Protein backbone atom coordinates (compact mmCIF):
# COMPACT_ATOMS: atom_id res chain seq x y z
CA MET A 1 11.96 -5.00 -9.53
CA SER A 2 10.11 -2.30 -7.94
CA VAL A 3 7.07 -3.83 -9.50
CA SER A 4 7.81 -6.98 -8.56
CA LEU A 5 8.55 -6.03 -4.64
CA ARG A 6 5.26 -4.51 -4.43
CA TYR A 7 3.10 -7.63 -5.36
CA THR A 8 5.49 -10.27 -2.94
CA ASN A 9 6.27 -10.54 0.68
CA ASN A 10 9.82 -10.25 0.44
CA ARG A 11 13.12 -9.72 -1.64
CA ASP A 12 13.41 -12.99 -2.62
CA GLU A 13 10.49 -13.87 -4.02
CA ALA A 14 10.38 -10.65 -5.87
CA VAL A 15 13.41 -11.71 -7.52
CA GLU A 16 11.67 -14.75 -8.44
CA VAL A 17 8.73 -12.94 -10.08
CA LEU A 18 11.37 -10.89 -11.48
CA ASN A 19 13.35 -13.77 -13.60
CA ASP A 20 10.26 -15.83 -14.29
CA GLY A 21 9.09 -12.43 -15.95
CA PHE A 22 12.58 -12.27 -17.58
CA MET A 23 11.39 -15.40 -18.98
CA LYS A 24 8.04 -15.00 -20.04
CA VAL A 25 9.56 -11.79 -22.26
CA PHE A 26 12.56 -14.22 -23.84
CA ALA A 27 9.85 -16.73 -24.60
CA HIS A 28 7.55 -14.48 -26.16
CA ILE A 29 9.16 -11.67 -27.67
CA SER A 30 7.70 -12.23 -30.86
CA GLN A 31 4.40 -11.48 -29.34
CA TYR A 32 5.36 -7.84 -29.02
CA ASP A 33 3.95 -4.79 -30.66
CA ALA A 34 7.20 -2.53 -31.73
CA ASP A 35 4.66 -0.08 -31.89
CA LYS A 36 3.82 0.20 -28.18
CA ALA A 37 6.03 1.12 -25.55
CA PHE A 38 8.18 -1.98 -24.29
CA THR A 39 7.88 -1.05 -20.75
CA SER A 40 4.45 -1.23 -20.35
CA TRP A 41 4.32 -4.77 -22.23
CA PHE A 42 7.09 -5.67 -19.70
CA ARG A 43 5.10 -4.74 -16.54
CA ARG A 44 1.51 -6.15 -17.37
CA ILE A 45 3.89 -9.64 -17.59
CA LEU A 46 5.14 -8.85 -14.43
CA ILE A 47 1.83 -8.38 -12.51
CA ASN A 48 0.31 -11.40 -14.32
CA THR A 49 3.71 -13.08 -13.21
CA ALA A 50 3.61 -12.04 -9.52
CA ILE A 51 -0.94 -13.07 -9.56
CA ASN A 52 -0.03 -16.19 -10.74
CA HIS A 53 2.98 -16.92 -8.37
CA HIS A 54 0.69 -15.88 -5.74
CA LYS A 55 -2.17 -18.27 -7.03
CA LYS A 56 0.45 -21.32 -7.58
CA ASN A 57 1.69 -20.64 -3.72
CA LEU A 58 -1.58 -19.78 -2.42
CA LYS A 59 -1.76 -22.92 0.14
CA HIS A 60 1.55 -21.67 2.07
CA ASN A 61 0.01 -18.02 2.03
CA HIS A 62 -3.37 -18.66 3.81
CA LEU A 63 -4.27 -15.69 4.70
CA GLY A 64 -1.21 -13.49 4.06
CA LEU A 65 -0.96 -12.64 7.55
CA GLU A 66 2.96 -12.29 7.34
CA LYS A 67 4.22 -10.02 10.20
CA ILE A 68 6.81 -7.32 8.74
CA THR A 69 8.47 -5.08 10.75
CA VAL A 70 8.51 -1.76 9.35
CA PRO A 71 10.78 1.23 10.53
CA PRO A 72 9.10 3.73 12.44
CA VAL A 73 7.88 7.04 11.21
CA HIS A 74 8.23 10.47 12.82
CA GLN A 75 6.46 13.15 13.80
CA GLN A 76 6.44 15.75 11.04
CA GLY A 77 3.64 13.88 8.89
CA ALA A 78 3.66 10.09 8.20
CA LEU A 79 3.74 10.79 4.21
CA ASP A 80 6.43 13.26 4.71
CA GLU A 81 9.42 11.25 5.81
CA LEU A 82 8.06 8.27 4.48
CA GLY A 83 10.87 7.11 2.02
CA TYR A 84 10.25 4.49 -1.19
CA GLN A 85 11.53 1.69 1.23
CA GLU A 86 9.15 2.31 4.13
CA MET A 87 6.31 2.33 1.47
CA ILE A 88 7.52 -1.30 -0.04
CA LEU A 89 7.75 -2.74 3.78
CA LEU A 90 4.04 -1.08 4.32
CA ILE A 91 2.41 -2.39 1.54
CA GLN A 92 4.09 -5.91 1.54
CA ALA A 93 2.72 -5.95 5.24
CA LEU A 94 -0.64 -5.88 3.93
CA PRO A 95 -2.68 -9.27 3.70
CA LEU A 96 -2.30 -10.84 0.26
CA ALA A 97 -5.61 -10.05 -1.14
CA TYR A 98 -6.00 -6.36 -0.22
CA ARG A 99 -2.05 -5.65 -1.29
CA THR A 100 -2.69 -7.19 -4.61
CA VAL A 101 -6.27 -5.08 -5.43
CA PHE A 102 -4.21 -1.95 -3.81
CA ASN A 103 -1.77 -2.42 -6.09
CA LEU A 104 -3.84 -2.92 -9.17
CA TYR A 105 -5.93 -0.33 -8.33
CA VAL A 106 -3.53 2.54 -7.10
CA ILE A 107 -0.52 1.89 -8.34
CA GLU A 108 -1.23 0.32 -11.84
CA GLY A 109 -4.55 1.96 -12.38
CA TYR A 110 -6.84 -0.72 -13.01
CA THR A 111 -10.71 -0.37 -12.63
CA HIS A 112 -12.66 -2.49 -10.05
CA GLU A 113 -14.00 -4.35 -12.97
CA GLU A 114 -11.03 -5.11 -15.06
CA ILE A 115 -9.25 -6.41 -10.95
CA ALA A 116 -12.10 -8.58 -10.56
CA ILE A 117 -11.62 -10.33 -14.26
CA MET A 118 -8.28 -10.56 -13.56
CA LEU A 119 -8.20 -12.05 -9.86
CA ASN A 120 -11.44 -13.76 -10.38
CA ILE A 121 -13.52 -12.06 -7.76
CA SER A 122 -16.51 -9.78 -7.71
CA VAL A 123 -16.31 -5.97 -7.92
CA GLY A 124 -17.58 -5.95 -4.49
CA SER A 125 -14.80 -8.01 -3.20
CA SER A 126 -12.34 -5.36 -5.19
CA LYS A 127 -13.34 -2.39 -3.63
CA SER A 128 -13.67 -4.36 -0.11
CA ASN A 129 -10.51 -4.97 -0.28
CA LEU A 130 -9.16 -1.96 -1.45
CA SER A 131 -11.22 0.08 1.33
CA ARG A 132 -9.26 -2.47 3.48
CA ALA A 133 -6.35 -2.29 2.45
CA ARG A 134 -6.27 1.75 2.49
CA ALA A 135 -7.66 1.29 6.67
CA HIS A 136 -4.91 -1.25 7.09
CA LEU A 137 -2.42 1.33 5.66
CA ARG A 138 -3.68 4.28 7.12
CA GLY A 139 -3.94 2.55 10.78
CA LYS A 140 -0.16 1.60 10.67
CA LEU A 141 0.68 5.14 9.22
CA THR A 142 -1.21 6.52 12.41
CA LEU A 143 0.04 4.14 14.54
CA ASP A 144 3.79 4.56 13.50
CA GLN A 145 3.48 8.57 13.51
CA LYS A 146 2.26 8.09 17.90
CA GLU A 147 4.87 5.77 17.96
CA GLY A 148 7.32 8.58 16.55
CA ALA A 149 5.93 11.38 18.79
CA THR A 150 6.08 9.96 21.80
CA ARG A 151 9.50 8.62 21.02
CA HIS A 152 10.36 12.04 20.34
CA GLU A 153 8.68 13.70 23.46
CA ARG A 154 11.13 11.36 25.37
């Protein structure tokens, strides 16, 4: 579920991707190589399912500029108090293209060349989307930290 949540806009969509992923596992279990880790194979299926889900629904997600309310992060340092759920919300708030590249590069460990092939984009676009995703996250963390400090001072 954690993989699906990182690539989707909300829990319902994540459940849909997860269910589709399980269906693919059951349908193609004969392709699983028992000499390799099942979790890696399943993770790859989920990532591909999430990417295909977004490609299929792209007309509904135009720019991926969904608004998601993120709980405030307080003064001690944004990352010190940032819990798993808050981080998921921050990642989900990224525009679709930024979120996908961020997940693939930062969390899954793919190279920009691999991402470019997977998403059918240029290597430069992958690098640009990652840079913009990091800037969005940095800006959100900085803004939330400032807002938390202002509330704390009151």
